[in-house]
Protein backbone atom coordinates (compact mmCIF):
# COMPACT_ATOMS: atom_id res chain seq x y z
CA MET A 1 -2.70 26.02 -17.21
CA LYS A 2 0.50 23.73 -16.42
CA HIS A 3 1.92 25.94 -14.25
CA LEU A 4 -1.59 25.64 -12.07
CA TRP A 5 -1.65 22.06 -11.81
CA ILE A 6 2.09 22.21 -10.94
CA GLY A 7 1.15 24.18 -7.78
CA LEU A 8 -1.94 22.96 -6.74
CA PHE A 9 -0.50 19.48 -6.59
CA SER A 10 2.52 20.54 -4.75
CA VAL A 11 -0.45 21.57 -2.42
CA ILE A 12 -1.93 18.77 -2.15
CA SER A 13 0.91 16.66 -1.56
CA THR A 14 2.11 19.22 0.59
CA VAL A 15 -1.32 18.66 2.63
CA LEU A 16 -1.01 14.82 2.16
CA TYR A 17 2.82 14.15 3.48
CA SER A 18 2.40 16.71 5.76
CA GLN A 19 0.50 14.22 8.76
CA ALA A 20 3.26 11.40 8.29
CA PRO A 21 3.82 10.84 11.60
CA THR A 22 7.74 12.09 11.28
CA SER A 23 9.64 10.13 14.38
CA ALA A 24 8.73 6.42 15.40
CA PRO A 25 7.39 6.59 18.73
CA SER A 26 7.90 3.79 21.52
CA ARG A 27 5.36 1.09 21.59
CA GLU A 28 3.17 0.05 24.19
CA ALA A 29 2.72 -3.74 25.14
CA ASN A 30 -1.03 -3.70 23.33
CA ASP A 31 0.52 -2.31 20.25
CA VAL A 32 -0.25 -4.99 17.20
CA MET A 33 1.90 -6.22 13.83
CA VAL A 34 0.87 -5.04 10.68
CA VAL A 35 2.03 -7.00 7.62
CA GLY A 36 1.89 -7.40 3.43
CA VAL A 37 0.69 -10.61 2.93
CA ALA A 38 1.56 -10.96 -0.58
CA HIS A 39 0.99 -14.59 -2.92
CA ASP A 40 3.03 -12.80 -5.65
CA SER A 41 6.47 -12.01 -4.36
CA SER A 42 7.05 -8.58 -6.98
CA VAL A 43 4.15 -6.89 -4.93
CA MET A 44 6.48 -6.15 -2.25
CA GLY A 45 9.82 -6.45 -1.46
CA GLY A 46 12.11 -3.85 -3.31
CA GLY A 47 12.35 -3.50 -7.90
CA ILE A 48 10.21 -3.58 -10.94
CA SER A 49 9.89 -7.13 -11.90
CA SER A 50 6.92 -9.45 -13.40
CA SER A 51 4.39 -11.01 -11.39
CA ASN A 52 6.04 -14.65 -9.90
CA LEU A 53 3.25 -16.61 -8.05
CA LEU A 54 5.28 -18.49 -4.86
CA ALA A 55 4.40 -21.84 -4.09
CA PRO A 56 0.59 -22.52 -3.32
CA GLY A 57 0.04 -22.23 -0.10
CA LYS A 58 3.11 -19.68 0.41
CA ALA A 59 3.36 -16.66 0.73
CA SER A 60 5.23 -13.20 0.49
CA VAL A 61 5.52 -11.26 4.33
CA GLN A 62 6.28 -7.90 5.35
CA PRO A 63 6.23 -6.03 8.66
CA ILE A 64 4.45 -2.74 8.18
CA GLY A 65 4.14 -1.29 11.56
CA TRP A 66 2.87 -1.16 14.99
CA LEU A 67 -1.02 -0.01 15.25
CA THR A 68 -2.71 1.04 18.38
CA PRO A 69 -5.88 -0.42 19.68
CA ALA A 70 -7.04 3.64 18.54
CA GLY A 71 -5.94 3.44 15.39
CA GLU A 72 -2.38 4.94 15.74
CA TRP A 73 0.11 4.38 13.27
CA LYS A 74 4.12 3.08 15.30
CA ARG A 75 7.23 2.79 12.83
CA ILE A 76 9.66 0.36 12.84
CA ARG A 77 12.64 1.28 14.85
CA CYS A 78 14.91 0.07 11.84
CA ASP A 79 16.77 2.38 8.94
CA PRO A 80 19.89 3.14 7.67
CA ASN A 81 20.53 5.89 10.82
CA GLN A 82 19.52 3.26 13.53
CA PRO A 83 21.73 0.33 12.77
CA LYS A 84 21.44 -1.36 16.50
CA GLU A 85 17.72 -0.41 16.21
CA CYS A 86 17.63 -3.01 13.44
CA LYS A 87 19.91 -5.27 15.31
CA ARG A 88 17.03 -5.17 18.21
CA PHE A 89 14.73 -5.63 15.96
CA ASP A 90 16.46 -9.12 14.89
CA ARG A 91 16.90 -10.10 18.08
CA GLU A 92 13.66 -9.23 19.53
CA TYR A 93 10.54 -10.44 16.79
CA LEU A 94 12.18 -11.40 13.13
CA SER A 95 14.15 -14.17 14.60
CA LYS A 96 10.63 -15.57 16.62
CA PRO A 97 8.25 -17.16 15.34
CA HIS A 98 4.87 -15.47 14.61
CA SER A 99 0.94 -16.35 13.89
CA TYR A 100 -0.77 -13.99 11.59
CA THR A 101 -3.81 -13.26 11.07
CA VAL A 102 -5.02 -11.65 7.75
CA VAL A 103 -8.07 -8.87 8.55
CA SER A 104 -8.28 -7.11 5.29
CA ALA A 105 -12.13 -8.12 2.69
CA ASP A 106 -10.48 -10.18 1.24
CA GLY A 107 -8.74 -13.40 2.02
CA LYS A 108 -9.97 -12.13 5.47
CA GLY A 109 -9.49 -15.29 8.26
CA ALA A 110 -6.65 -16.59 6.33
CA ALA A 111 -4.15 -17.91 9.44
CA VAL A 112 -0.11 -17.17 7.76
CA GLN A 113 2.83 -18.93 9.90
CA VAL A 114 6.44 -17.38 9.97
CA GLU A 115 8.90 -19.81 11.39
CA ARG A 116 11.37 -16.23 11.24
CA MET A 117 11.99 -13.37 9.28
CA THR A 118 15.11 -12.27 8.20
CA LEU A 119 17.16 -8.49 8.35
CA ASP A 120 18.99 -7.32 5.41
CA ASP A 121 22.53 -5.90 6.51
CA GLU A 122 23.12 -4.09 3.72
CA CYS A 123 19.57 -2.55 3.20
CA PHE A 124 17.86 -2.35 6.33
CA GLY A 125 14.71 -4.48 4.73
CA TYR A 126 13.05 -7.41 6.10
CA GLY A 127 10.86 -10.21 6.05
CA GLY A 128 10.00 -13.72 4.46
CA GLN A 129 8.05 -16.51 3.69
CA GLY A 130 5.37 -18.23 5.82
CA ILE A 131 2.23 -20.63 5.14
CA PHE A 132 -1.12 -19.74 4.87
CA ALA A 133 -4.50 -21.87 5.39
CA GLY A 134 -8.08 -21.11 6.91
CA GLY A 135 -8.76 -19.42 4.30
CA LYS A 136 -7.70 -17.96 0.18
CA ILE A 137 -4.87 -14.95 -0.83
CA ARG A 138 -5.51 -15.02 -4.31
CA TYR A 139 -3.13 -11.39 -4.77
CA ALA A 140 -2.32 -9.48 -1.82
CA ALA A 141 -3.56 -8.55 1.34
CA VAL A 142 -2.86 -7.47 5.26
CA ALA A 143 -2.46 -9.05 8.31
CA ALA A 144 -2.06 -8.72 11.73
CA GLU A 145 -0.83 -10.89 15.16
CA SER A 146 -4.36 -9.95 16.94
CA THR A 147 -7.44 -9.44 15.22
CA GLU A 148 -8.76 -7.69 18.78
CA ILE A 149 -9.39 -4.38 17.73
CA PHE A 150 -10.47 -5.60 13.76
CA SER A 151 -13.85 -5.32 12.92
CA SER A 152 -15.06 -6.56 8.87
CA GLY A 153 -15.66 -4.51 6.25
CA SER A 154 -15.50 -3.72 2.76
CA SER A 155 -13.04 -4.15 -0.08
CA ALA A 156 -11.33 -2.07 -2.59
CA LYS A 157 -13.76 -2.84 -5.59
CA ARG A 158 -12.67 -2.79 -9.18
CA LEU A 159 -14.75 -1.58 -11.64
CA PRO A 160 -16.25 -3.04 -14.79
CA ASP A 161 -15.12 -1.39 -17.58
CA GLN A 162 -18.60 0.23 -18.40
CA ASP A 163 -18.32 1.86 -15.46
CA ALA A 164 -14.62 2.72 -15.06
CA GLU A 165 -14.37 4.46 -19.07
CA PRO A 166 -16.18 7.06 -17.48
CA ILE A 167 -13.52 7.68 -14.79
CA ARG A 168 -10.70 7.91 -16.58
CA LYS A 169 -11.76 10.29 -18.59
CA ALA A 170 -13.30 12.36 -16.02
CA LEU A 171 -9.73 12.17 -14.53
CA ALA A 172 -8.36 13.01 -18.17
CA ALA A 173 -10.15 15.68 -18.38
CA LYS A 174 -9.07 16.61 -14.69
CA VAL A 175 -5.76 16.54 -15.32
CA GLU A 176 -4.36 16.83 -18.33
CA ASN A 177 -1.41 16.64 -19.36
CA LYS A 178 -0.06 14.52 -16.38
CA LEU A 179 -1.90 11.75 -17.22
CA ASP A 180 0.05 9.68 -20.67
CA SER A 181 -3.38 8.05 -21.28
CA THR A 182 -5.99 5.84 -20.46
CA LYS A 183 -4.81 2.45 -21.55
CA GLU A 184 -3.90 -0.38 -18.70
CA LEU A 185 -6.13 2.18 -15.47
CA ARG A 186 -7.42 0.63 -12.89
CA VAL A 187 -10.43 2.29 -11.71
CA TYR A 188 -11.78 1.31 -7.74
CA SER A 189 -14.02 2.35 -5.42
CA ILE A 190 -13.47 2.34 -2.08
CA GLU A 191 -14.92 3.18 1.43
CA LEU A 192 -13.33 5.38 4.18
CA GLU A 193 -14.96 5.62 7.71
CA GLY A 194 -18.49 6.32 5.71
CA ARG A 195 -17.28 8.04 2.90
CA SER A 196 -16.93 6.96 -1.13
CA PHE A 197 -13.51 7.14 -2.72
CA VAL A 198 -12.43 6.70 -6.18
CA LEU A 199 -8.87 4.81 -6.56
CA ILE A 200 -7.50 4.53 -10.06
CA GLN A 201 -4.52 2.14 -10.06
CA ARG A 202 -1.32 1.69 -12.35
CA ALA A 203 1.13 -0.14 -11.47
CA TYR A 204 3.83 -2.35 -13.11
CA GLN A 205 2.15 -5.32 -12.36
CA ASP A 206 -1.62 -4.70 -13.41
CA PHE A 207 0.21 -4.76 -17.50
CA ALA A 208 3.16 -6.75 -17.04
CA SER A 209 1.74 -9.38 -19.29
CA LYS A 210 2.11 -7.36 -21.69
CA PRO A 211 4.85 -5.65 -23.84
CA SER A 212 6.13 -3.89 -21.00
CA TYR A 213 9.17 -1.46 -22.09
CA LYS A 214 9.65 0.85 -24.60
CA PRO A 215 13.15 0.64 -26.61
CA ASN A 216 14.24 2.89 -24.59
CA GLY A 217 14.20 0.84 -21.88
CA SER A 218 11.90 3.06 -19.46
CA PRO A 219 8.16 1.69 -19.20
CA ASN A 220 5.07 2.05 -21.55
CA PHE A 221 3.56 3.56 -18.29
CA ASN A 222 3.60 6.05 -15.98
CA PHE A 223 2.76 4.20 -12.45
CA ILE A 224 -0.99 6.29 -11.91
CA LEU A 225 -1.98 6.03 -8.40
CA ALA A 226 -4.64 8.79 -7.67
CA ILE A 227 -8.33 8.94 -5.07
CA GLY A 228 -10.56 11.43 -5.59
CA THR A 229 -15.09 11.69 -6.08
CA MET A 230 -16.90 11.81 -8.78
CA HIS A 231 -19.60 14.53 -9.00
CA ASP A 232 -21.58 15.84 -11.58
CA GLY A 233 -20.16 12.83 -14.26
CA ARG A 234 -16.25 15.63 -13.22
CA PHE A 235 -13.60 14.56 -11.40
CA GLN A 236 -12.39 15.19 -7.51
CA LEU A 237 -9.19 14.85 -7.35
CA LEU A 238 -7.76 14.70 -3.28
CA HIS A 239 -4.81 12.72 -4.06
CA TRP A 240 -2.07 12.18 -7.30
CA LYS A 241 1.12 10.33 -7.03
CA GLU A 242 3.70 13.17 -7.73
CA ASN A 243 6.05 10.06 -8.74
CA THR A 244 4.91 8.22 -12.25
CA GLY A 245 7.56 7.49 -13.57
CA ASP A 246 9.41 4.63 -11.32
CA ASP A 247 7.51 5.16 -7.75
CA ASN A 248 4.65 1.60 -8.75
CA GLU A 249 2.45 2.34 -6.12
CA GLN A 250 -0.98 -0.57 -5.26
CA ILE A 251 -3.11 -1.56 -3.52
CA LEU A 252 -2.58 -4.11 -0.22
CA GLY A 253 -5.95 -3.78 1.04
CA LEU A 254 -8.42 -2.05 3.34
CA ILE A 255 -9.03 -2.21 7.47
CA HIS A 256 -11.53 -1.62 9.64
CA LEU A 257 -11.12 -1.06 13.23
CA LYS A 258 -13.53 -1.65 16.28
CA ASN A 259 -13.43 2.14 16.91
CA GLY A 260 -14.61 3.93 13.35
CA ARG A 261 -11.14 4.10 11.99
CA ASP A 262 -10.69 2.88 8.74
CA PHE A 263 -7.13 2.60 6.70
CA LEU A 264 -6.56 1.85 2.92
CA VAL A 265 -2.79 0.13 2.78
CA ASN A 266 -0.67 0.13 0.07
CA THR A 267 2.27 -0.47 -1.11
CA THR A 268 5.14 0.86 -2.87
CA SER A 269 8.30 -0.19 -4.77
CA ASP A 270 11.41 1.96 -6.40
CA PRO A 271 14.03 -0.02 -8.04
CA GLU A 272 15.49 0.25 -5.23
CA GLY A 273 13.29 -0.78 -2.77
CA TYR A 274 10.22 -0.21 -1.06
CA LEU A 275 7.78 0.68 1.62
CA PHE A 276 4.45 1.14 2.68
CA ARG A 277 1.67 3.67 2.36
CA VAL A 278 -1.38 3.73 5.00
CA TYR A 279 -4.10 6.20 3.42
CA GLY A 280 -7.41 7.22 5.59
CA ILE A 281 -9.70 10.13 7.10
CA ARG A 282 -7.94 12.67 8.90
CA GLY A 283 -9.35 16.25 10.54
CA GLY A 284 -12.56 15.09 8.16
CA LYS A 285 -10.17 14.59 5.23
CA LEU A 286 -8.32 12.63 3.09
CA ALA A 287 -4.71 11.98 4.17
CA LEU A 288 -1.33 9.69 4.18
CA ILE A 289 -1.40 9.05 7.47
CA PHE A 290 1.48 6.61 7.39
CA GLU A 291 5.19 5.93 5.38
CA GLY A 292 7.05 3.20 6.85
CA GLY A 293 8.19 -0.50 6.73
CA GLY A 294 10.13 -2.11 3.70
CA GLY A 295 13.86 -1.25 2.83
CA GLY A 296 16.05 0.45 0.06
CA CYS A 297 19.76 0.47 -1.24
């Protein structure tokens, strides 16, 4: 049975990740920059640390990628293999002031002003701090430089314990020894293009206020990110984040486009860096649409 699950997760991961773009196509003039915004500075920026709320009215801002009006994601041309492109991105984009508007459901409409962002020449990460007004960013959100292509829609809704507990147990029965325990698992309901899913998350920030490490230095819990559906009390697994050791993935927000496309935007970090993952519907199935942004040494 153990080998069967390993094979199953390998197939699921291969299907999802094979659909993520491997190159960074040139951006067009009407492509929109999408950024992650967090009032908690530990959510983005690399590493795993305890919760650290910024001063009122301030937020960490990290570019994710370019989004076309048709709903296609494009990577930012900046990574360790393209130092010249990084310098260009710094000169043409990061060094200039920008205004973003929150487009995810939580905090929607909040304006975020950034005077400039910086490029880490050593680790090729980029980002900075902004000032937000006109709304509340309670924890984290997704913002964009233009709201033209976006529409209103649902947010990721955390289920109360009485509704979440049967789902936790169903997941445990499904994955068997892949799950250390059901403690501290947060369960959310999400909708993507008219389809309902269950997302189960255990990120470091979910239990950072509690004793976080074992005597040997490892986390008390594995970092979990699973997406699936419930049918007749059984959990149908559609995605399982393979790295449960130091890959700390969590929800940033759901965004919805006027053309009907919906995306779940997550941030993930490990001790050496961070990046963003975007999930959506492709070919009628849940897929990992995009990985990009961030930086790492």
